[in-house]
PDB file of all heavy atoms in Angstrom:
ATOM      1  N   GLY A   1    -136.132  17.927 -14.443  1.00  0.00           N
ATOM      2  CA  GLY A   1    -137.049  18.847 -15.093  1.00  0.00           C
ATOM      3  C   GLY A   1    -136.340  19.935 -15.859  1.00  0.00           C
ATOM      4  O   GLY A   1    -136.830  20.397 -16.906  1.00  0.00           O
ATOM      5  N   ALA A   2    -135.152  20.349 -15.383  1.00  0.00           N
ATOM      6  CA  ALA A   2    -134.377  21.374 -16.086  1.00  0.00           C
ATOM      7  C   ALA A   2    -133.938  20.901 -17.465  1.00  0.00           C
ATOM      8  O   ALA A   2    -133.673  21.720 -18.346  1.00  0.00           O
ATOM      9  CB  ALA A   2    -133.152  21.767 -15.259  1.00  0.00           C
ATOM     10  N   ASP A   3    -133.859  19.577 -17.670  1.00  0.00           N
ATOM     11  CA  ASP A   3    -133.450  19.017 -18.958  1.00  0.00           C
ATOM     12  C   ASP A   3    -134.625  18.876 -19.918  1.00  0.00           C
ATOM     13  O   ASP A   3    -134.430  18.523 -21.084  1.00  0.00           O
ATOM     14  CB  ASP A   3    -132.818  17.643 -18.771  1.00  0.00           C
ATOM     15  CG  ASP A   3    -131.542  17.686 -17.958  1.00  0.00           C
ATOM     16  OD1 ASP A   3    -131.066  18.790 -17.643  1.00  0.00           O
ATOM     17  OD2 ASP A   3    -131.022  16.596 -17.628  1.00  0.00           O
ATOM     18  N   CYS A   4    -135.838  19.094 -19.420  1.00  0.00           N
ATOM     19  CA  CYS A   4    -137.041  18.812 -20.212  1.00  0.00           C
ATOM     20  C   CYS A   4    -137.908  20.044 -20.423  1.00  0.00           C
ATOM     21  O   CYS A   4    -139.096  19.932 -20.738  1.00  0.00           O
ATOM     22  CB  CYS A   4    -137.875  17.731 -19.516  1.00  0.00           C
ATOM     23  SG  CYS A   4    -136.979  16.208 -19.130  1.00  0.00           S
ATOM     24  N   ILE A   5    -137.331  21.231 -20.245  1.00  0.00           N
ATOM     25  CA  ILE A   5    -138.142  22.445 -20.378  1.00  0.00           C
ATOM     26  C   ILE A   5    -138.319  22.866 -21.829  1.00  0.00           C
ATOM     27  O   ILE A   5    -139.245  23.604 -22.158  1.00  0.00           O
ATOM     28  CB  ILE A   5    -137.538  23.610 -19.576  1.00  0.00           C
ATOM     29  CG1 ILE A   5    -136.111  23.919 -20.047  1.00  0.00           C
ATOM     30  CG2 ILE A   5    -137.577  23.321 -18.084  1.00  0.00           C
ATOM     31  CD1 ILE A   5    -135.532  25.171 -19.419  1.00  0.00           C
ATOM     32  N   ASN A   6    -137.427  22.411 -22.711  1.00  0.00           N
ATOM     33  CA  ASN A   6    -137.558  22.699 -24.140  1.00  0.00           C
ATOM     34  C   ASN A   6    -136.781  21.631 -24.912  1.00  0.00           C
ATOM     35  O   ASN A   6    -136.046  20.838 -24.316  1.00  0.00           O
ATOM     36  CB  ASN A   6    -137.089  24.121 -24.467  1.00  0.00           C
ATOM     37  CG  ASN A   6    -135.610  24.330 -24.246  1.00  0.00           C
ATOM     38  OD1 ASN A   6    -134.776  23.607 -24.774  1.00  0.00           O
ATOM     39  ND2 ASN A   6    -135.262  25.344 -23.445  1.00  0.00           N
ATOM     40  N   PRO A   7    -136.919  21.571 -26.228  1.00  0.00           N
ATOM     41  CA  PRO A   7    -136.274  20.491 -26.983  1.00  0.00           C
ATOM     42  C   PRO A   7    -134.744  20.550 -27.027  1.00  0.00           C
ATOM     43  O   PRO A   7    -134.114  19.533 -27.321  1.00  0.00           O
ATOM     44  CB  PRO A   7    -136.851  20.664 -28.402  1.00  0.00           C
ATOM     45  CG  PRO A   7    -138.148  21.372 -28.210  1.00  0.00           C
ATOM     46  CD  PRO A   7    -137.893  22.314 -27.053  1.00  0.00           C
ATOM     47  N   ALA A   8    -134.139  21.713 -26.764  1.00  0.00           N
ATOM     48  CA  ALA A   8    -132.687  21.838 -26.947  1.00  0.00           C
ATOM     49  C   ALA A   8    -131.889  20.855 -26.100  1.00  0.00           C
ATOM     50  O   ALA A   8    -131.063  20.106 -26.637  1.00  0.00           O
ATOM     51  CB  ALA A   8    -132.249  23.273 -26.692  1.00  0.00           C
ATOM     52  N   PRO A   9    -132.090  20.815 -24.775  1.00  0.00           N
ATOM     53  CA  PRO A   9    -131.289  19.888 -23.987  1.00  0.00           C
ATOM     54  C   PRO A   9    -131.937  18.521 -23.768  1.00  0.00           C
ATOM     55  O   PRO A   9    -131.384  17.686 -23.064  1.00  0.00           O
ATOM     56  CB  PRO A   9    -131.176  20.629 -22.641  1.00  0.00           C
ATOM     57  CG  PRO A   9    -132.486  21.354 -22.529  1.00  0.00           C
ATOM     58  CD  PRO A   9    -132.889  21.713 -23.928  1.00  0.00           C
ATOM     59  N   TYR A  10    -133.095  18.297 -24.373  1.00  0.00           N
ATOM     60  CA  TYR A  10    -133.904  17.119 -24.059  1.00  0.00           C
ATOM     61  C   TYR A  10    -133.406  15.917 -24.857  1.00  0.00           C
ATOM     62  O   TYR A  10    -133.995  15.512 -25.858  1.00  0.00           O
ATOM     63  CB  TYR A  10    -135.371  17.412 -24.356  1.00  0.00           C
ATOM     64  CG  TYR A  10    -136.377  16.576 -23.594  1.00  0.00           C
ATOM     65  CD1 TYR A  10    -137.699  17.002 -23.465  1.00  0.00           C
ATOM     66  CD2 TYR A  10    -136.043  15.359 -23.002  1.00  0.00           C
ATOM     67  CE1 TYR A  10    -138.640  16.271 -22.772  1.00  0.00           C
ATOM     68  CE2 TYR A  10    -136.965  14.615 -22.310  1.00  0.00           C
ATOM     69  CZ  TYR A  10    -138.275  15.070 -22.202  1.00  0.00           C
ATOM     70  OH  TYR A  10    -139.214  14.318 -21.515  1.00  0.00           O
ATOM     71  N   THR A  11    -132.335  15.332 -24.395  1.00  0.00           N
ATOM     72  CA  THR A  11    -131.701  14.208 -25.076  1.00  0.00           C
ATOM     73  C   THR A  11    -132.670  13.065 -25.321  1.00  0.00           C
ATOM     74  O   THR A  11    -132.674  12.449 -26.394  1.00  0.00           O
ATOM     75  CB  THR A  11    -130.512  13.703 -24.245  1.00  0.00           C
ATOM     76  OG1 THR A  11    -129.592  14.778 -24.049  1.00  0.00           O
ATOM     77  CG2 THR A  11    -129.808  12.556 -24.926  1.00  0.00           C
ATOM     78  N   ALA A  12    -133.512  12.761 -24.352  1.00  0.00           N
ATOM     79  CA  ALA A  12    -134.387  11.595 -24.443  1.00  0.00           C
ATOM     80  C   ALA A  12    -135.476  11.749 -25.486  1.00  0.00           C
ATOM     81  O   ALA A  12    -136.109  10.765 -25.873  1.00  0.00           O
ATOM     82  CB  ALA A  12    -135.027  11.326 -23.079  1.00  0.00           C
ATOM     83  N   LEU A  13    -135.723  12.978 -25.966  1.00  0.00           N
ATOM     84  CA  LEU A  13    -136.804  13.211 -26.911  1.00  0.00           C
ATOM     85  C   LEU A  13    -136.305  13.302 -28.355  1.00  0.00           C
ATOM     86  O   LEU A  13    -137.068  13.648 -29.248  1.00  0.00           O
ATOM     87  CB  LEU A  13    -137.581  14.476 -26.531  1.00  0.00           C
ATOM     88  CG  LEU A  13    -139.077  14.500 -26.891  1.00  0.00           C
ATOM     89  CD1 LEU A  13    -139.800  13.301 -26.305  1.00  0.00           C
ATOM     90  CD2 LEU A  13    -139.722  15.787 -26.415  1.00  0.00           C
ATOM     91  N   ARG A  14    -135.033  12.990 -28.574  1.00  0.00           N
ATOM     92  CA  ARG A  14    -134.555  12.895 -29.953  1.00  0.00           C
ATOM     93  C   ARG A  14    -135.095  11.610 -30.589  1.00  0.00           C
ATOM     94  O   ARG A  14    -135.252  10.580 -29.920  1.00  0.00           O
ATOM     95  CB  ARG A  14    -133.024  12.865 -30.008  1.00  0.00           C
ATOM     96  CG  ARG A  14    -132.329  14.156 -29.686  1.00  0.00           C
ATOM     97  CD  ARG A  14    -132.738  15.325 -30.543  1.00  0.00           C
ATOM     98  NE  ARG A  14    -132.609  15.131 -31.979  1.00  0.00           N
ATOM     99  CZ  ARG A  14    -131.522  15.429 -32.694  1.00  0.00           C
ATOM    100  NH1 ARG A  14    -130.430  15.894 -32.082  1.00  0.00           N
ATOM    101  NH2 ARG A  14    -131.519  15.269 -33.998  1.00  0.00           N
ATOM    102  N   ALA A  15    -135.334  11.679 -31.886  1.00  0.00           N
ATOM    103  CA  ALA A  15    -135.842  10.517 -32.618  1.00  0.00           C
ATOM    104  C   ALA A  15    -135.111  10.405 -33.943  1.00  0.00           C
ATOM    105  O   ALA A  15    -135.724  10.237 -35.000  1.00  0.00           O
ATOM    106  CB  ALA A  15    -137.351  10.642 -32.824  1.00  0.00           C
ATOM    107  N   ASN A  16    -133.783  10.489 -33.879  1.00  0.00           N
ATOM    108  CA  ASN A  16    -132.954  10.464 -35.078  1.00  0.00           C
ATOM    109  C   ASN A  16    -132.225   9.137 -35.244  1.00  0.00           C
ATOM    110  O   ASN A  16    -131.066   9.062 -35.649  1.00  0.00           O
ATOM    111  CB  ASN A  16    -131.969  11.631 -35.097  1.00  0.00           C
ATOM    112  CG  ASN A  16    -131.117  11.730 -33.840  1.00  0.00           C
ATOM    113  OD1 ASN A  16    -131.495  11.240 -32.780  1.00  0.00           O
ATOM    114  ND2 ASN A  16    -129.965  12.374 -33.950  1.00  0.00           N
ATOM    115  N   GLY A  17    -132.909   8.054 -34.888  1.00  0.00           N
ATOM    116  CA  GLY A  17    -132.430   6.713 -35.185  1.00  0.00           C
ATOM    117  C   GLY A  17    -131.135   6.339 -34.504  1.00  0.00           C
ATOM    118  O   GLY A  17    -131.015   6.416 -33.275  1.00  0.00           O
ATOM    119  N   GLU A  18    -130.149   5.947 -35.283  1.00  0.00           N
ATOM    120  CA  GLU A  18    -128.885   5.453 -34.746  1.00  0.00           C
ATOM    121  C   GLU A  18    -128.179   6.484 -33.869  1.00  0.00           C
ATOM    122  O   GLU A  18    -127.389   6.129 -32.995  1.00  0.00           O
ATOM    123  CB  GLU A  18    -127.959   5.039 -35.888  1.00  0.00           C
ATOM    124  CG  GLU A  18    -128.394   3.774 -36.618  1.00  0.00           C
ATOM    125  CD  GLU A  18    -128.311   2.536 -35.733  1.00  0.00           C
ATOM    126  OE1 GLU A  18    -127.267   2.334 -35.095  1.00  0.00           O
ATOM    127  OE2 GLU A  18    -129.291   1.777 -35.688  1.00  0.00           O
ATOM    128  N   ASN A  19    -128.440   7.759 -34.094  1.00  0.00           N
ATOM    129  CA  ASN A  19    -127.810   8.807 -33.293  1.00  0.00           C
ATOM    130  C   ASN A  19    -128.666   9.245 -32.110  1.00  0.00           C
ATOM    131  O   ASN A  19    -128.266  10.149 -31.371  1.00  0.00           O
ATOM    132  CB  ASN A  19    -127.497  10.024 -34.172  1.00  0.00           C
ATOM    133  CG  ASN A  19    -126.378   9.751 -35.157  1.00  0.00           C
ATOM    134  OD1 ASN A  19    -125.397   9.097 -34.821  1.00  0.00           O
ATOM    135  ND2 ASN A  19    -126.528  10.226 -36.386  1.00  0.00           N
ATOM    136  N   ALA A  20    -129.825   8.627 -31.942  1.00  0.00           N
ATOM    137  CA  ALA A  20    -130.710   8.987 -30.842  1.00  0.00           C
ATOM    138  C   ALA A  20    -130.201   8.385 -29.542  1.00  0.00           C
ATOM    139  O   ALA A  20    -129.258   7.582 -29.513  1.00  0.00           O
ATOM    140  CB  ALA A  20    -132.132   8.509 -31.125  1.00  0.00           C
ATOM    141  N   TRP A  21    -130.860   8.766 -28.447  1.00  0.00           N
ATOM    142  CA  TRP A  21    -130.506   8.233 -27.135  1.00  0.00           C
ATOM    143  C   TRP A  21    -130.898   6.758 -27.073  1.00  0.00           C
ATOM    144  O   TRP A  21    -131.536   6.222 -27.968  1.00  0.00           O
ATOM    145  CB  TRP A  21    -131.220   9.060 -26.046  1.00  0.00           C
ATOM    146  CG  TRP A  21    -130.589   8.965 -24.695  1.00  0.00           C
ATOM    147  CD1 TRP A  21    -129.307   9.267 -24.362  1.00  0.00           C
ATOM    148  CD2 TRP A  21    -131.228   8.550 -23.479  1.00  0.00           C
ATOM    149  NE1 TRP A  21    -129.101   9.072 -23.018  1.00  0.00           N
ATOM    150  CE2 TRP A  21    -130.264   8.627 -22.448  1.00  0.00           C
ATOM    151  CE3 TRP A  21    -132.515   8.129 -23.166  1.00  0.00           C
ATOM    152  CZ2 TRP A  21    -130.545   8.297 -21.123  1.00  0.00           C
ATOM    153  CZ3 TRP A  21    -132.806   7.803 -21.845  1.00  0.00           C
ATOM    154  CH2 TRP A  21    -131.828   7.885 -20.838  1.00  0.00           C
ATOM    155  N   PHE A  22    -130.514   6.085 -26.014  1.00  0.00           N
ATOM    156  CA  PHE A  22    -130.710   4.642 -25.877  1.00  0.00           C
ATOM    157  C   PHE A  22    -132.173   4.254 -26.154  1.00  0.00           C
ATOM    158  O   PHE A  22    -133.103   4.816 -25.592  1.00  0.00           O
ATOM    159  CB  PHE A  22    -130.295   4.188 -24.485  1.00  0.00           C
ATOM    160  CG  PHE A  22    -128.905   4.635 -24.120  1.00  0.00           C
ATOM    161  CD1 PHE A  22    -128.694   5.524 -23.082  1.00  0.00           C
ATOM    162  CD2 PHE A  22    -127.818   4.193 -24.845  1.00  0.00           C
ATOM    163  CE1 PHE A  22    -127.415   5.944 -22.750  1.00  0.00           C
ATOM    164  CE2 PHE A  22    -126.531   4.609 -24.531  1.00  0.00           C
ATOM    165  CZ  PHE A  22    -126.333   5.484 -23.480  1.00  0.00           C
ATOM    166  N   GLY A  23    -132.323   3.253 -27.003  1.00  0.00           N
ATOM    167  CA  GLY A  23    -133.620   2.873 -27.529  1.00  0.00           C
ATOM    168  C   GLY A  23    -133.695   3.192 -29.004  1.00  0.00           C
ATOM    169  O   GLY A  23    -134.433   2.580 -29.753  1.00  0.00           O
ATOM    170  N   TRP A  24    -132.920   4.202 -29.439  1.00  0.00           N
ATOM    171  CA  TRP A  24    -132.679   4.539 -30.830  1.00  0.00           C
ATOM    172  C   TRP A  24    -133.953   4.700 -31.669  1.00  0.00           C
ATOM    173  O   TRP A  24    -134.070   4.127 -32.761  1.00  0.00           O
ATOM    174  CB  TRP A  24    -131.719   3.509 -31.435  1.00  0.00           C
ATOM    175  CG  TRP A  24    -130.489   3.396 -30.589  1.00  0.00           C
ATOM    176  CD1 TRP A  24    -129.435   4.262 -30.538  1.00  0.00           C
ATOM    177  CD2 TRP A  24    -130.204   2.375 -29.602  1.00  0.00           C
ATOM    178  NE1 TRP A  24    -128.514   3.842 -29.607  1.00  0.00           N
ATOM    179  CE2 TRP A  24    -128.953   2.690 -29.007  1.00  0.00           C
ATOM    180  CE3 TRP A  24    -130.877   1.230 -29.171  1.00  0.00           C
ATOM    181  CZ2 TRP A  24    -128.370   1.912 -28.021  1.00  0.00           C
ATOM    182  CZ3 TRP A  24    -130.299   0.447 -28.180  1.00  0.00           C
ATOM    183  CH2 TRP A  24    -129.056   0.792 -27.618  1.00  0.00           C
ATOM    184  N   PRO A  25    -134.912   5.508 -31.182  1.00  0.00           N
ATOM    185  CA  PRO A  25    -136.140   5.726 -31.956  1.00  0.00           C
ATOM    186  C   PRO A  25    -135.874   6.564 -33.200  1.00  0.00           C
ATOM    187  O   PRO A  25    -134.964   7.401 -33.220  1.00  0.00           O
ATOM    188  CB  PRO A  25    -137.044   6.480 -30.980  1.00  0.00           C
ATOM    189  CG  PRO A  25    -136.087   7.177 -30.060  1.00  0.00           C
ATOM    190  CD  PRO A  25    -134.914   6.241 -29.913  1.00  0.00           C
ATOM    191  N   LYS A  26    -136.691   6.337 -34.232  1.00  0.00           N
ATOM    192  CA  LYS A  26    -136.576   7.123 -35.467  1.00  0.00           C
ATOM    193  C   LYS A  26    -137.969   7.579 -35.892  1.00  0.00           C
ATOM    194  O   LYS A  26    -138.823   6.759 -36.260  1.00  0.00           O
ATOM    195  CB  LYS A  26    -135.929   6.311 -36.583  1.00  0.00           C
ATOM    196  CG  LYS A  26    -135.596   7.167 -37.811  1.00  0.00           C
ATOM    197  CD  LYS A  26    -134.900   6.371 -38.889  1.00  0.00           C
ATOM    198  CE  LYS A  26    -134.359   7.277 -39.992  1.00  0.00           C
ATOM    199  NZ  LYS A  26    -135.336   8.269 -40.478  1.00  0.00           N
ATOM    200  N   SER A  27    -138.188   8.886 -35.848  1.00  0.00           N
ATOM    201  CA  SER A  27    -139.459   9.465 -36.251  1.00  0.00           C
ATOM    202  C   SER A  27    -139.199  10.789 -36.958  1.00  0.00           C
ATOM    203  O   SER A  27    -138.735  11.750 -36.339  1.00  0.00           O
ATOM    204  CB  SER A  27    -140.381   9.697 -35.046  1.00  0.00           C
ATOM    205  OG  SER A  27    -141.470  10.528 -35.387  1.00  0.00           O
ATOM    206  N   ASP A  28    -139.511  10.841 -38.242  1.00  0.00           N
ATOM    207  CA  ASP A  28    -139.326  12.078 -38.995  1.00  0.00           C
ATOM    208  C   ASP A  28    -140.247  13.169 -38.465  1.00  0.00           C
ATOM    209  O   ASP A  28    -139.882  14.358 -38.480  1.00  0.00           O
ATOM    210  CB  ASP A  28    -139.596  11.834 -40.473  1.00  0.00           C
ATOM    211  CG  ASP A  28    -138.551  10.930 -41.129  1.00  0.00           C
ATOM    212  OD1 ASP A  28    -137.448  10.791 -40.553  1.00  0.00           O
ATOM    213  OD2 ASP A  28    -138.845  10.376 -42.192  1.00  0.00           O
ATOM    214  N   ALA A  29    -141.446  12.793 -37.993  1.00  0.00           N
ATOM    215  CA  ALA A  29    -142.398  13.789 -37.496  1.00  0.00           C
ATOM    216  C   ALA A  29    -141.887  14.456 -36.227  1.00  0.00           C
ATOM    217  O   ALA A  29    -141.995  15.686 -36.060  1.00  0.00           O
ATOM    218  CB  ALA A  29    -143.753  13.134 -37.236  1.00  0.00           C
ATOM    219  N   VAL A  30    -141.318  13.681 -35.323  1.00  0.00           N
ATOM    220  CA  VAL A  30    -140.766  14.251 -34.092  1.00  0.00           C
ATOM    221  C   VAL A  30    -139.601  15.175 -34.423  1.00  0.00           C
ATOM    222  O   VAL A  30    -139.495  16.294 -33.902  1.00  0.00           O
ATOM    223  CB  VAL A  30    -140.328  13.137 -33.121  1.00  0.00           C
ATOM    224  CG1 VAL A  30    -139.571  13.722 -31.937  1.00  0.00           C
ATOM    225  CG2 VAL A  30    -141.533  12.347 -32.627  1.00  0.00           C
ATOM    226  N   GLU A  31    -138.712  14.724 -35.293  1.00  0.00           N
ATOM    227  CA  GLU A  31    -137.540  15.523 -35.641  1.00  0.00           C
ATOM    228  C   GLU A  31    -137.921  16.800 -36.388  1.00  0.00           C
ATOM    229  O   GLU A  31    -137.312  17.857 -36.173  1.00  0.00           O
ATOM    230  CB  GLU A  31    -136.576  14.686 -36.476  1.00  0.00           C
ATOM    231  CG  GLU A  31    -135.835  13.620 -35.675  1.00  0.00           C
ATOM    232  CD  GLU A  31    -134.894  14.209 -34.634  1.00  0.00           C
ATOM    233  OE1 GLU A  31    -133.919  14.879 -35.023  1.00  0.00           O
ATOM    234  OE2 GLU A  31    -135.138  14.012 -33.430  1.00  0.00           O
ATOM    235  N   ALA A  32    -138.938  16.725 -37.244  1.00  0.00           N
ATOM    236  CA  ALA A  32    -139.375  17.924 -37.971  1.00  0.00           C
ATOM    237  C   ALA A  32    -139.935  18.959 -37.009  1.00  0.00           C
ATOM    238  O   ALA A  32    -139.678  20.171 -37.154  1.00  0.00           O
ATOM    239  CB  ALA A  32    -140.421  17.546 -39.022  1.00  0.00           C
ATOM    240  N   ALA A  33    -140.698  18.510 -36.013  1.00  0.00           N
ATOM    241  CA  ALA A  33    -141.241  19.445 -35.024  1.00  0.00           C
ATOM    242  C   ALA A  33    -140.120  20.047 -34.186  1.00  0.00           C
ATOM    243  O   ALA A  33    -140.157  21.236 -33.829  1.00  0.00           O
ATOM    244  CB  ALA A  33    -142.250  18.721 -34.134  1.00  0.00           C
ATOM    245  N   ARG A  34    -139.100  19.248 -33.893  1.00  0.00           N
ATOM    246  CA  ARG A  34    -137.953  19.765 -33.155  1.00  0.00           C
ATOM    247  C   ARG A  34    -137.230  20.835 -33.964  1.00  0.00           C
ATOM    248  O   ARG A  34    -136.862  21.890 -33.437  1.00  0.00           O
ATOM    249  CB  ARG A  34    -137.010  18.617 -32.810  1.00  0.00           C
ATOM    250  CG  ARG A  34    -135.816  18.992 -31.951  1.00  0.00           C
ATOM    251  CD  ARG A  34    -135.012  17.739 -31.598  1.00  0.00           C
ATOM    252  NE  ARG A  34    -133.946  18.046 -30.663  1.00  0.00           N
ATOM    253  CZ  ARG A  34    -132.742  18.466 -31.007  1.00  0.00           C
ATOM    254  NH1 ARG A  34    -132.435  18.623 -32.287  1.00  0.00           N
ATOM    255  NH2 ARG A  34    -131.827  18.711 -30.088  1.00  0.00           N
ATOM    256  N   ASP A  35    -137.038  20.572 -35.243  1.00  0.00           N
ATOM    257  CA  ASP A  35    -136.396  21.561 -36.113  1.00  0.00           C
ATOM    258  C   ASP A  35    -137.216  22.851 -36.160  1.00  0.00           C
ATOM    259  O   ASP A  35    -136.651  23.962 -36.189  1.00  0.00           O
ATOM    260  CB  ASP A  35    -136.233  21.006 -37.526  1.00  0.00           C
ATOM    261  CG  ASP A  35    -135.182  19.891 -37.594  1.00  0.00           C
ATOM    262  OD1 ASP A  35    -134.370  19.779 -36.661  1.00  0.00           O
ATOM    263  OD2 ASP A  35    -135.200  19.145 -38.595  1.00  0.00           O
ATOM    264  N   ALA A  36    -138.549  22.714 -36.183  1.00  0.00           N
ATOM    265  CA  ALA A  36    -139.420  23.895 -36.214  1.00  0.00           C
ATOM    266  C   ALA A  36    -139.262  24.716 -34.938  1.00  0.00           C
ATOM    267  O   ALA A  36    -139.325  25.958 -34.974  1.00  0.00           O
ATOM    268  CB  ALA A  36    -140.872  23.470 -36.400  1.00  0.00           C
ATOM    269  N   TRP A  37    -139.039  24.039 -33.819  1.00  0.00           N
ATOM    270  CA  TRP A  37    -138.825  24.787 -32.567  1.00  0.00           C
ATOM    271  C   TRP A  37    -137.528  25.588 -32.640  1.00  0.00           C
ATOM    272  O   TRP A  37    -137.487  26.753 -32.254  1.00  0.00           O
ATOM    273  CB  TRP A  37    -138.782  23.836 -31.372  1.00  0.00           C
ATOM    274  CG  TRP A  37    -138.534  24.574 -30.096  1.00  0.00           C
ATOM    275  CD1 TRP A  37    -139.460  25.218 -29.326  1.00  0.00           C
ATOM    276  CD2 TRP A  37    -137.264  24.794 -29.456  1.00  0.00           C
ATOM    277  NE1 TRP A  37    -138.848  25.818 -28.245  1.00  0.00           N
ATOM    278  CE2 TRP A  37    -137.505  25.574 -28.312  1.00  0.00           C
ATOM    279  CE3 TRP A  37    -135.966  24.406 -29.753  1.00  0.00           C
ATOM    280  CZ2 TRP A  37    -136.478  25.970 -27.448  1.00  0.00           C
ATOM    281  CZ3 TRP A  37    -134.938  24.797 -28.902  1.00  0.00           C
ATOM    282  CH2 TRP A  37    -135.206  25.569 -27.767  1.00  0.00           C
ATOM    283  N   PHE A  38    -136.464  24.969 -33.149  1.00  0.00           N
ATOM    284  CA  PHE A  38    -135.196  25.683 -33.264  1.00  0.00           C
ATOM    285  C   PHE A  38    -135.321  26.885 -34.196  1.00  0.00           C
ATOM    286  O   PHE A  38    -134.637  27.891 -34.004  1.00  0.00           O
ATOM    287  CB  PHE A  38    -134.104  24.741 -33.773  1.00  0.00           C
ATOM    288  CG  PHE A  38    -133.396  23.997 -32.682  1.00  0.00           C
ATOM    289  CD1 PHE A  38    -133.813  22.731 -32.288  1.00  0.00           C
ATOM    290  CD2 PHE A  38    -132.312  24.547 -32.021  1.00  0.00           C
ATOM    291  CE1 PHE A  38    -133.164  22.045 -31.276  1.00  0.00           C
ATOM    292  CE2 PHE A  38    -131.658  23.868 -31.007  1.00  0.00           C
ATOM    293  CZ  PHE A  38    -132.085  22.615 -30.624  1.00  0.00           C
TER     294      PHE A  38
END
């Protein structure tokens, strides 16, 4: 739970394709919302 309290350490919630965590999802909408949080 400590890894999932915000987008910064939440490795599994990245959606930047080849650089994402295992499963390699790619979603511009997810990444844009993450950038907005930062």
